[in-house]
C-alpha cells in the first residue's frame, strides 16, 4: 500500500461526500447551461466511483479516483489541451481531489466490433492514439511533476526491485499470489531485466503518455474520429508498451494465434507514426522489448489501483502478482513455447 501516512481516503458512501460531489457537478453543469434531470446511477470499484448523471441535454459522467489513480484528472485536462481531437473535452476537472466530469462519448469500439468484428476498425483507431502520444512526448517531464507515474525504461528496473520488496502485495506463498519459486526467479531476473531496459532506452524513442489498458472498451468510436478514455492506469513510459494490452486483448476477442499476420499488421500500423525517425527493424525491436518489459508496469498499475482500505480490493488483489508473473510469458506476437 502506498497511501501517504496520515492521509484519510474519502468515504464515497458518506452523505457529506456525496453532497459535496453533487454540488460540484451542479456547479460545473450550470456553467454550460445544463442541469441534472434525475437520480445519478453509480458504479463503484476500489479504484474509482463513477456516476452516470442524467441532464436536460443528455447524460454526463462524473468520476472520482482513489489516491492511487488521482493523476487521471490532471492527465485528462492536459491531454484535452494538447490533443483535443483525441479525447473528450472535460466539462470540469478538480486536480486535487481527482474528480472529473465528462460528456457522454457515445458508443465504444467494442460496440462497433460487436456488430462488425473487422480489424480494420483497429487499423483506423491506432494511428490516432499514436498521434496523441507523439503530441504529448514533449510534456513528459511536466506530467511526471504533476503526479503521473514515471515508468520510463530508465527507472523500470528500480521499480521492479522495489515491487519485489512488497511481499504483501505480491502475496508470496499465499493462495492467489506468487509461488516462492516464481518469486525467487523474479529476483534473479532483475539484472537481465535491467539490461533490456537499458537497451530500450538506448534506442532513443521518446517517452510519453502510455495508456497501459488500451482495449476496445476504452476507445469511443465517434463519427468525427476515435477518442481514448479511462486513463487511470496511465503512466509516462515508452510508448510501445501500449501494445502489450492492446494486442493481447485483440487476440482474446478474436481467437487469433500469435503468428497471425493481421496482428503484426496492427503493430506496424501503430508503429508507422515513428517511421520518419526510425527504420522499421529498429521499431519492431523496440516494440518487442517494450511488450516484454510491460508486465511490470501493469503490476504497478494494479497496485496503485488497489491503494485503498476498501474490502472490495480483495476481489482484485491477484492482479498484482498475476501480472508480475507474466514477465516470463510470451508477448502477444510470440507463439507459446
Foldseek 3Di string as FASTA:
>chain_A
DDDDPPDDKDDPPDPVNVVVQQVVVQVLVVVVVKGFDDDWDWDDDLFKIKTFTQIPVGTKIKMFGIPLQLLQLVVLQVLCVQPVLAAFHWSDGDSVRSMTMGGDLPDFLVVVCVVPVDCVVLLQAQQSVLVSFVSFLVCQVVSVVSPFAACALQCVLVLLVVLLVPCVLQVECHPLHHDPVLSVVSVVCSVVLNVLSVVLVVLPQGWGKEQLQDERVQWRQDPSGIYGDDRSLIHGYRHLLNLQNHLVNSCVVPVDALQPVVSVVSLVSNCVVCCVPDPPVSVVSSNQSSNLSNLSSQLSSLVSSNPGPPPSNVVVSSSNRVSVSCNPPHGSNDGGD
